[in-house]
N, C-alpha and C. Protein backbone atom coordinates (compact mmCIF):
# COMPACT_ATOMS: atom_id res chain seq x y z
N MET A 1 142.48 -107.57 33.42
CA MET A 1 143.69 -107.51 31.90
C MET A 1 144.94 -107.69 32.55
N GLN A 2 145.78 -108.56 32.30
CA GLN A 2 147.25 -108.76 32.52
C GLN A 2 148.15 -107.58 31.98
N PRO A 3 149.15 -106.87 32.37
CA PRO A 3 149.94 -105.89 31.94
C PRO A 3 150.46 -106.79 30.45
N LYS A 4 150.96 -105.68 30.09
CA LYS A 4 152.41 -106.32 29.16
C LYS A 4 153.22 -107.23 29.91
N LYS A 5 153.81 -108.68 29.53
CA LYS A 5 155.34 -108.52 29.72
C LYS A 5 156.47 -108.69 29.15
N THR A 6 156.30 -108.65 27.69
CA THR A 6 157.33 -108.94 26.71
C THR A 6 156.96 -107.55 25.54
N PHE A 7 158.49 -106.60 25.36
CA PHE A 7 158.27 -106.20 24.44
C PHE A 7 159.85 -105.43 23.94
N ALA A 8 159.74 -104.42 23.57
CA ALA A 8 161.04 -104.28 22.41
C ALA A 8 161.80 -103.50 22.91
N MET A 9 163.42 -103.32 23.21
CA MET A 9 163.32 -102.29 23.61
C MET A 9 165.01 -101.99 22.81
N LEU A 10 165.17 -100.58 22.68
CA LEU A 10 166.63 -100.45 21.70
C LEU A 10 167.52 -99.22 22.93
N ASP A 11 168.25 -100.05 22.52
CA ASP A 11 170.39 -99.58 22.80
C ASP A 11 170.42 -98.47 22.06
N PHE A 12 170.65 -97.36 22.85
CA PHE A 12 170.44 -96.17 21.67
C PHE A 12 171.66 -96.12 21.82
N ASP A 13 172.72 -96.08 22.72
CA ASP A 13 174.60 -96.53 22.27
C ASP A 13 174.81 -97.55 21.06
N ALA A 14 173.91 -98.30 20.68
CA ALA A 14 174.27 -99.00 19.71
C ALA A 14 173.39 -98.33 18.58
N CYS A 15 172.77 -98.34 18.07
CA CYS A 15 171.90 -97.57 16.52
C CYS A 15 172.25 -96.94 16.97
N ARG A 16 172.88 -96.66 15.62
CA ARG A 16 173.04 -96.02 14.22
C ARG A 16 172.91 -96.49 13.17
N PRO A 17 170.85 -95.57 12.74
CA PRO A 17 171.12 -95.63 11.51
C PRO A 17 171.67 -95.80 9.93
N LYS A 18 172.06 -94.81 9.95
CA LYS A 18 173.37 -94.47 8.67
C LYS A 18 173.97 -95.42 8.39
N GLU A 19 174.50 -96.40 9.61
CA GLU A 19 175.09 -97.64 9.48
C GLU A 19 174.36 -99.22 8.88
N CYS A 20 172.86 -98.60 9.26
CA CYS A 20 172.26 -99.96 8.67
C CYS A 20 171.74 -99.66 7.00
N ASP A 21 171.56 -98.13 7.00
CA ASP A 21 171.27 -97.48 5.50
C ASP A 21 172.44 -96.46 4.83
N SER A 22 173.51 -96.85 4.47
CA SER A 22 174.41 -95.59 4.55
C SER A 22 173.39 -94.25 3.42
N GLU A 23 173.06 -94.57 1.97
CA GLU A 23 172.39 -93.84 1.47
C GLU A 23 171.21 -93.20 1.90
N ASN A 24 169.81 -94.07 2.53
CA ASN A 24 168.86 -93.30 3.10
C ASN A 24 168.96 -92.72 4.50
N GLY A 25 169.52 -93.40 5.16
CA GLY A 25 169.21 -93.15 7.00
C GLY A 25 168.39 -93.75 7.62
N ARG A 26 167.88 -95.11 6.86
CA ARG A 26 166.82 -95.84 7.37
C ARG A 26 167.07 -96.86 7.89
N CYS A 27 166.19 -96.63 9.71
CA CYS A 27 166.23 -98.25 10.01
C CYS A 27 165.49 -99.27 9.62
N ALA A 28 167.09 -100.00 9.53
CA ALA A 28 165.98 -101.97 9.39
C ALA A 28 165.24 -102.29 10.75
N ALA A 29 165.34 -102.11 11.53
CA ALA A 29 164.24 -102.23 12.80
C ALA A 29 163.08 -101.64 12.39
N ALA A 30 162.83 -100.02 12.22
CA ALA A 30 161.74 -99.86 12.32
C ALA A 30 160.99 -99.96 10.74
N THR A 31 161.45 -100.20 10.08
CA THR A 31 161.25 -100.93 8.43
C THR A 31 160.15 -101.92 8.73
N ALA A 32 160.94 -103.09 9.53
CA ALA A 32 160.66 -103.97 9.40
C ALA A 32 159.29 -104.52 10.38
N CYS A 33 158.89 -103.05 10.62
CA CYS A 33 158.30 -103.56 12.70
C CYS A 33 156.96 -103.62 11.45
N THR A 34 156.18 -105.13 12.07
CA THR A 34 154.80 -104.55 11.10
C THR A 34 153.83 -104.13 11.35
N HIS A 35 153.76 -104.29 12.96
CA HIS A 35 152.72 -102.93 13.70
C HIS A 35 153.00 -102.21 14.11
N LYS A 36 154.06 -101.23 12.62
CA LYS A 36 153.92 -99.61 13.12
C LYS A 36 153.82 -99.02 14.21
N VAL A 37 154.96 -99.91 15.00
CA VAL A 37 154.79 -98.81 16.74
C VAL A 37 157.50 -98.91 16.88
N PHE A 38 157.30 -99.17 15.64
CA PHE A 38 158.82 -98.90 15.92
C PHE A 38 158.99 -97.77 14.84
N LYS A 39 158.77 -96.70 14.96
CA LYS A 39 159.51 -95.63 14.12
C LYS A 39 160.56 -94.02 13.96
N GLN A 40 161.24 -93.59 12.85
CA GLN A 40 162.24 -92.80 13.07
C GLN A 40 161.28 -91.36 12.68
N ILE A 41 160.46 -91.20 14.05
CA ILE A 41 159.46 -89.75 14.12
C ILE A 41 160.94 -88.54 13.81
N ASP A 42 161.55 -88.21 14.11
CA ASP A 42 162.67 -87.05 13.48
C ASP A 42 162.80 -87.76 12.49
N GLY A 43 163.10 -87.70 11.16
CA GLY A 43 163.66 -88.69 10.05
C GLY A 43 164.52 -89.09 10.07
N ARG A 44 165.07 -89.13 8.84
CA ARG A 44 165.78 -90.36 8.37
C ARG A 44 167.55 -89.65 9.06
N PHE A 45 167.99 -90.44 8.73
CA PHE A 45 169.38 -90.88 9.66
C PHE A 45 169.14 -90.67 11.31
N GLU A 46 168.22 -90.57 11.77
CA GLU A 46 168.08 -90.34 13.68
C GLU A 46 167.57 -91.44 14.30
N GLN A 47 167.81 -91.19 15.89
CA GLN A 47 167.50 -93.47 16.13
C GLN A 47 165.63 -93.13 16.14
N PRO A 48 165.38 -94.31 15.68
CA PRO A 48 164.16 -95.15 16.45
C PRO A 48 163.90 -94.73 17.59
N MET A 49 162.61 -94.87 17.80
CA MET A 49 161.87 -94.82 19.02
C MET A 49 160.25 -96.04 19.02
N ILE A 50 160.30 -96.24 20.10
CA ILE A 50 159.23 -97.55 20.41
C ILE A 50 158.37 -97.10 20.92
N PHE A 51 157.54 -97.33 20.53
CA PHE A 51 156.24 -97.13 21.45
C PHE A 51 155.36 -97.95 21.78
N GLN A 52 156.26 -98.60 23.41
CA GLN A 52 156.69 -99.60 23.96
C GLN A 52 154.60 -100.65 24.34
N ASP A 53 154.45 -99.36 24.52
CA ASP A 53 152.49 -100.05 25.39
C ASP A 53 151.66 -100.30 23.93
N MET A 54 152.21 -100.25 22.80
CA MET A 54 152.06 -101.40 21.60
C MET A 54 152.03 -102.16 21.27
N CYS A 55 153.59 -102.26 21.59
CA CYS A 55 154.46 -103.38 21.15
C CYS A 55 154.35 -105.05 21.59
N MET A 56 154.55 -105.93 20.26
CA MET A 56 153.93 -106.69 20.57
C MET A 56 154.59 -108.37 20.88
N GLY A 57 156.02 -107.48 21.23
CA GLY A 57 157.19 -108.36 20.86
C GLY A 57 157.21 -109.46 20.08
N CYS A 58 157.36 -108.96 18.56
CA CYS A 58 157.05 -110.36 17.51
C CYS A 58 158.06 -110.21 17.36
N TRP A 59 158.97 -109.90 17.21
CA TRP A 59 160.88 -110.19 16.95
C TRP A 59 160.72 -108.98 15.59
N ASP A 60 159.80 -108.72 14.76
CA ASP A 60 160.80 -108.76 13.23
C ASP A 60 161.49 -107.91 13.85
N CYS A 61 161.72 -106.45 14.91
CA CYS A 61 162.43 -105.15 14.89
C CYS A 61 164.14 -106.06 15.53
N VAL A 62 164.10 -107.04 15.85
CA VAL A 62 165.58 -107.68 16.35
C VAL A 62 166.09 -108.09 15.21
N GLU A 63 165.05 -109.09 14.49
CA GLU A 63 165.58 -109.97 13.73
C GLU A 63 166.21 -109.13 12.42
N ALA A 64 165.80 -107.47 12.40
CA ALA A 64 166.09 -107.31 11.67
C ALA A 64 167.65 -106.36 11.45
N CYS A 65 167.59 -105.81 12.53
CA CYS A 65 168.77 -105.32 13.49
C CYS A 65 169.90 -105.35 12.44
N PRO A 66 171.03 -104.77 12.20
CA PRO A 66 172.09 -105.57 11.60
C PRO A 66 173.13 -105.62 12.75
N LEU A 67 172.86 -104.59 13.66
CA LEU A 67 173.78 -103.92 14.91
C LEU A 67 173.47 -104.33 15.74
N GLN A 68 172.39 -104.74 16.50
CA GLN A 68 171.38 -105.70 17.38
C GLN A 68 171.11 -104.71 18.26
N ALA A 69 170.95 -103.89 18.06
CA ALA A 69 170.68 -102.50 18.66
C ALA A 69 169.09 -102.56 19.34
N VAL A 70 168.54 -103.76 19.16
CA VAL A 70 167.51 -103.84 19.96
C VAL A 70 167.01 -105.30 19.97
N ARG A 71 166.19 -105.12 21.70
CA ARG A 71 166.10 -107.04 21.86
C ARG A 71 165.09 -106.57 22.79
N ILE A 72 164.40 -107.79 23.08
CA ILE A 72 162.68 -107.78 24.20
C ILE A 72 163.44 -108.04 25.19
N HIS A 73 162.48 -107.41 25.53
CA HIS A 73 162.65 -106.94 27.15
C HIS A 73 161.37 -107.96 27.79
N HIS A 74 161.59 -108.57 29.08
CA HIS A 74 160.90 -109.55 29.41
C HIS A 74 160.27 -108.80 30.92
N VAL A 75 159.82 -108.63 31.13
CA VAL A 75 159.10 -108.62 32.99
C VAL A 75 158.86 -109.08 33.51
N THR A 76 159.46 -109.54 34.52
CA THR A 76 159.13 -110.46 35.18
C THR A 76 158.06 -110.84 36.73
């Protein structure tokens, strides 16, 4: 089995859930993650986390993030 070569990474300096959804504090990228590996575990208005070992590298979170705080990381 080959190791995973592509996964999402969060730029914690750029991530501000309140700016994604000022009323509910929901992270747009976490909401868009169809594989449910991008989650706001500590609650609303808190930065999400990515379970990178389960990330499929599908780009759903990257496309959903209005702050461009999520990037796809390629391991060579």
